[in-house]
N, C-alpha and C. Protein backbone atom coordinates (compact mmCIF):
# COMPACT_ATOMS: atom_id res chain seq x y z
N MET A 1 -204.76 -220.53 -70.66
CA MET A 1 -203.40 -220.24 -71.35
C MET A 1 -202.97 -218.78 -71.27
N LYS A 2 -201.71 -218.58 -70.96
CA LYS A 2 -201.09 -217.31 -70.72
C LYS A 2 -201.10 -216.52 -72.13
N ASP A 3 -201.40 -215.27 -72.18
CA ASP A 3 -201.28 -214.46 -73.36
C ASP A 3 -200.16 -213.50 -73.14
N ASN A 4 -199.08 -213.66 -73.64
CA ASN A 4 -197.84 -212.92 -73.36
C ASN A 4 -197.81 -211.64 -74.41
N VAL A 5 -198.80 -211.71 -75.39
CA VAL A 5 -198.77 -210.69 -76.38
C VAL A 5 -199.84 -209.59 -76.00
N ASN A 6 -200.98 -209.90 -75.67
CA ASN A 6 -202.05 -209.00 -75.44
C ASN A 6 -202.41 -208.72 -74.08
N SER A 7 -201.82 -209.38 -73.15
CA SER A 7 -202.00 -209.10 -71.77
C SER A 7 -200.98 -209.68 -70.77
N THR A 8 -199.96 -208.81 -70.70
CA THR A 8 -198.86 -209.30 -69.79
C THR A 8 -199.05 -208.80 -68.47
N ILE A 9 -198.68 -209.70 -67.51
CA ILE A 9 -198.94 -209.17 -66.07
C ILE A 9 -198.21 -208.05 -65.68
N HIS A 10 -196.95 -207.90 -66.10
CA HIS A 10 -196.24 -206.67 -65.64
C HIS A 10 -196.64 -205.41 -66.08
N TYR A 11 -197.44 -205.42 -67.10
CA TYR A 11 -198.15 -204.14 -67.48
C TYR A 11 -199.59 -203.94 -66.98
N ASN A 12 -200.07 -204.95 -66.42
CA ASN A 12 -201.49 -204.80 -65.76
C ASN A 12 -201.61 -204.86 -64.39
N LYS A 13 -200.45 -204.89 -63.67
CA LYS A 13 -200.46 -205.26 -62.19
C LYS A 13 -200.51 -203.85 -61.43
N HIS A 14 -200.67 -202.72 -62.07
CA HIS A 14 -200.69 -201.49 -61.29
C HIS A 14 -201.92 -201.36 -60.42
N PRO A 15 -201.65 -200.96 -59.14
CA PRO A 15 -202.80 -200.88 -58.19
C PRO A 15 -204.13 -200.07 -58.72
N SER A 16 -203.70 -199.11 -59.78
CA SER A 16 -204.91 -198.34 -60.26
C SER A 16 -205.75 -199.09 -61.07
N GLY A 17 -205.27 -200.30 -61.67
CA GLY A 17 -206.15 -201.03 -62.53
C GLY A 17 -205.82 -200.65 -63.89
N ILE A 18 -205.08 -199.58 -64.20
CA ILE A 18 -204.87 -198.92 -65.52
C ILE A 18 -203.72 -199.86 -66.01
N GLU A 19 -203.90 -200.11 -67.45
CA GLU A 19 -202.86 -200.75 -68.19
C GLU A 19 -201.82 -199.70 -68.67
N CYS A 20 -200.53 -200.12 -68.75
CA CYS A 20 -199.45 -199.05 -68.89
C CYS A 20 -199.75 -198.51 -70.33
N ILE A 21 -200.12 -199.31 -71.33
CA ILE A 21 -200.27 -198.67 -72.67
C ILE A 21 -201.41 -197.62 -72.70
N GLU A 22 -202.33 -197.59 -71.86
CA GLU A 22 -203.37 -196.40 -71.78
C GLU A 22 -202.64 -195.15 -71.55
N ILE A 23 -201.52 -195.07 -70.85
CA ILE A 23 -200.73 -193.95 -70.46
C ILE A 23 -199.68 -193.62 -71.64
N THR A 24 -198.95 -194.71 -71.89
CA THR A 24 -197.78 -194.42 -72.75
C THR A 24 -198.13 -194.02 -74.14
N ARG A 25 -199.35 -194.43 -74.72
CA ARG A 25 -199.62 -194.15 -76.06
C ARG A 25 -199.92 -192.59 -76.29
N HIS A 26 -200.01 -191.78 -75.17
CA HIS A 26 -200.13 -190.43 -75.40
C HIS A 26 -198.67 -189.64 -75.37
N PHE A 27 -197.61 -190.27 -75.24
CA PHE A 27 -196.29 -189.82 -75.33
C PHE A 27 -195.59 -190.17 -76.56
N ASN A 28 -194.33 -189.56 -76.72
CA ASN A 28 -193.56 -189.88 -77.94
C ASN A 28 -192.76 -191.14 -77.60
N PHE A 29 -192.07 -191.64 -78.52
CA PHE A 29 -191.46 -192.94 -78.13
C PHE A 29 -190.58 -193.11 -76.93
N ASN A 30 -189.52 -191.94 -76.81
CA ASN A 30 -188.72 -191.97 -75.72
C ASN A 30 -189.43 -191.85 -74.43
N ILE A 31 -190.29 -190.98 -74.22
CA ILE A 31 -190.89 -190.74 -73.01
C ILE A 31 -192.01 -191.95 -72.73
N GLY A 32 -192.60 -192.49 -73.71
CA GLY A 32 -193.35 -193.67 -73.53
C GLY A 32 -192.66 -194.80 -73.10
N ASN A 33 -191.46 -195.02 -73.56
CA ASN A 33 -190.66 -196.14 -72.98
C ASN A 33 -189.96 -196.00 -71.70
N ALA A 34 -189.81 -194.67 -71.20
CA ALA A 34 -189.28 -194.34 -70.05
C ALA A 34 -190.51 -194.66 -69.06
N VAL A 35 -191.67 -194.30 -69.31
CA VAL A 35 -192.72 -194.50 -68.36
C VAL A 35 -192.99 -195.96 -68.32
N LYS A 36 -192.81 -196.77 -69.43
CA LYS A 36 -193.02 -198.25 -69.33
C LYS A 36 -192.11 -198.91 -68.49
N TYR A 37 -190.81 -198.49 -68.48
CA TYR A 37 -189.79 -199.20 -67.92
C TYR A 37 -189.98 -198.73 -66.32
N LEU A 38 -190.37 -197.51 -66.07
CA LEU A 38 -190.68 -197.12 -64.57
C LEU A 38 -191.82 -197.93 -64.12
N TRP A 39 -192.85 -198.08 -64.86
CA TRP A 39 -194.17 -198.91 -64.65
C TRP A 39 -193.77 -200.32 -64.18
N ARG A 40 -193.00 -200.98 -65.02
CA ARG A 40 -192.86 -202.45 -64.81
C ARG A 40 -191.65 -202.69 -63.84
N SER A 41 -190.99 -201.76 -63.46
CA SER A 41 -189.79 -201.82 -62.56
C SER A 41 -190.09 -202.83 -61.59
N GLY A 42 -189.28 -203.91 -61.43
CA GLY A 42 -189.23 -204.89 -60.46
C GLY A 42 -190.46 -205.92 -60.61
N LEU A 43 -191.38 -205.70 -61.68
CA LEU A 43 -192.53 -206.63 -61.90
C LEU A 43 -192.28 -207.73 -62.85
N LYS A 44 -191.60 -207.30 -63.88
CA LYS A 44 -191.29 -208.34 -64.98
C LYS A 44 -190.46 -209.60 -64.46
N GLY A 45 -189.20 -209.00 -63.75
CA GLY A 45 -188.28 -210.22 -63.37
C GLY A 45 -188.11 -210.11 -61.92
N GLY A 46 -188.96 -209.47 -61.33
CA GLY A 46 -188.82 -209.42 -59.69
C GLY A 46 -187.79 -208.42 -59.46
N GLU A 47 -187.34 -208.47 -58.18
CA GLU A 47 -186.40 -207.37 -57.73
C GLU A 47 -185.07 -207.41 -58.34
N SER A 48 -184.87 -208.63 -59.02
CA SER A 48 -183.53 -208.69 -59.63
C SER A 48 -183.38 -207.83 -60.92
N THR A 49 -184.60 -207.47 -61.58
CA THR A 49 -184.46 -206.67 -62.80
C THR A 49 -184.83 -205.08 -62.47
N ARG A 50 -185.15 -204.72 -61.18
CA ARG A 50 -185.55 -203.47 -60.79
C ARG A 50 -184.58 -202.42 -61.26
N ILE A 51 -183.33 -202.61 -60.93
CA ILE A 51 -182.36 -201.52 -61.34
C ILE A 51 -182.00 -201.45 -62.90
N GLU A 52 -182.19 -202.73 -63.44
CA GLU A 52 -182.09 -202.58 -64.99
C GLU A 52 -183.10 -201.95 -65.59
N ASP A 53 -184.46 -202.03 -65.16
CA ASP A 53 -185.57 -201.25 -65.72
C ASP A 53 -185.40 -199.84 -65.38
N LEU A 54 -184.84 -199.45 -64.28
CA LEU A 54 -184.66 -198.05 -64.00
C LEU A 54 -183.47 -197.39 -64.87
N GLU A 55 -182.53 -198.30 -65.04
CA GLU A 55 -181.44 -197.81 -65.99
C GLU A 55 -181.94 -197.60 -67.52
N LYS A 56 -182.85 -198.47 -67.88
CA LYS A 56 -183.43 -198.43 -69.24
C LYS A 56 -184.27 -197.18 -69.24
N ALA A 57 -184.92 -196.76 -68.26
CA ALA A 57 -185.84 -195.57 -68.24
C ALA A 57 -185.00 -194.38 -68.33
N ARG A 58 -183.93 -194.41 -67.54
CA ARG A 58 -182.99 -193.23 -67.58
C ARG A 58 -182.32 -193.01 -68.95
N TRP A 59 -182.07 -194.22 -69.62
CA TRP A 59 -181.55 -194.14 -71.02
C TRP A 59 -182.55 -193.43 -71.94
N TYR A 60 -183.86 -193.82 -71.88
CA TYR A 60 -184.70 -193.09 -72.77
C TYR A 60 -184.96 -191.74 -72.41
N ILE A 61 -184.89 -191.27 -71.11
CA ILE A 61 -184.93 -189.97 -70.76
C ILE A 61 -183.75 -189.19 -71.23
N SER A 62 -182.65 -189.66 -71.12
CA SER A 62 -181.30 -189.07 -71.62
C SER A 62 -181.44 -188.85 -73.13
N ASP A 63 -181.91 -189.88 -73.76
CA ASP A 63 -181.93 -189.64 -75.26
C ASP A 63 -182.95 -188.65 -75.66
N GLU A 64 -183.98 -188.54 -74.92
CA GLU A 64 -184.91 -187.49 -75.26
C GLU A 64 -184.39 -186.11 -74.83
N ILE A 65 -183.79 -185.88 -73.85
CA ILE A 65 -183.18 -184.73 -73.47
C ILE A 65 -182.19 -184.36 -74.65
N GLU A 66 -181.28 -185.21 -75.06
CA GLU A 66 -180.44 -184.88 -76.41
C GLU A 66 -181.01 -184.61 -77.48
N ARG A 67 -182.37 -185.35 -77.80
CA ARG A 67 -183.11 -184.97 -79.01
C ARG A 67 -183.51 -183.72 -78.96
N LEU A 68 -184.06 -183.23 -77.74
CA LEU A 68 -184.59 -181.81 -77.57
C LEU A 68 -183.59 -180.76 -77.75
N LYS A 69 -182.49 -181.12 -77.12
CA LYS A 69 -181.13 -180.18 -77.29
C LYS A 69 -180.65 -179.90 -78.79
N GLY A 70 -180.92 -181.09 -79.51
CA GLY A 70 -180.52 -180.96 -81.00
C GLY A 70 -181.54 -180.28 -81.69
N GLU A 71 -182.77 -180.32 -81.48
CA GLU A 71 -183.85 -179.71 -82.11
C GLU A 71 -183.69 -178.09 -81.87
N ASN A 72 -183.41 -177.86 -80.58
CA ASN A 72 -183.03 -176.45 -80.21
C ASN A 72 -181.88 -175.91 -80.86
N ASN A 73 -180.76 -176.58 -80.87
CA ASN A 73 -179.60 -176.23 -81.57
C ASN A 73 -179.87 -175.86 -83.07
N ALA A 74 -180.65 -176.77 -83.63
CA ALA A 74 -180.94 -176.60 -85.20
C ALA A 74 -181.80 -175.38 -85.25
N ARG A 75 -182.77 -175.15 -84.44
CA ARG A 75 -183.55 -174.00 -84.56
C ARG A 75 -182.79 -172.65 -84.33
N ILE A 76 -181.79 -172.62 -83.56
CA ILE A 76 -180.92 -171.53 -83.11
C ILE A 76 -179.97 -171.31 -84.49
N LYS A 77 -179.61 -172.37 -85.11
CA LYS A 77 -178.69 -172.16 -86.22
C LYS A 77 -179.50 -171.73 -87.39
N LYS A 78 -180.58 -172.16 -87.66
CA LYS A 78 -181.57 -171.75 -88.66
C LYS A 78 -181.79 -170.29 -88.60
N HIS A 79 -182.32 -169.77 -87.39
CA HIS A 79 -182.46 -168.42 -87.04
C HIS A 79 -181.20 -167.62 -87.41
N ILE A 80 -180.14 -168.05 -86.94
CA ILE A 80 -178.73 -167.23 -87.24
C ILE A 80 -178.68 -167.12 -88.63
N SER A 81 -178.70 -168.24 -89.47
CA SER A 81 -178.52 -168.17 -90.85
C SER A 81 -179.55 -167.33 -91.66
N VAL A 82 -180.73 -167.19 -91.05
CA VAL A 82 -181.74 -166.38 -91.80
C VAL A 82 -181.49 -164.92 -91.56
N THR A 83 -180.96 -164.68 -90.32
CA THR A 83 -180.69 -163.17 -89.96
C THR A 83 -179.45 -162.69 -90.43
N ASN A 84 -178.61 -163.39 -90.94
CA ASN A 84 -177.34 -163.12 -91.47
C ASN A 84 -177.40 -162.76 -92.90
């Protein structure tokens, strides 16, 4: 019987033999999801889902960039208000 919860083929199919979660658990949510979608690109639904998976990865990368910019802007504003 297939186990789609604990052992999905599109996350275990990498030639290295490493399971995707072994890598992604070391990243934050956005980066981990970007890696996950890059990892499974074209594996879950075949070639028809490759572009969709890459677009999802790009979305999480963009979200992470915006998050980091927001944190950076907040630090700058805090520094300005402390020094004035």
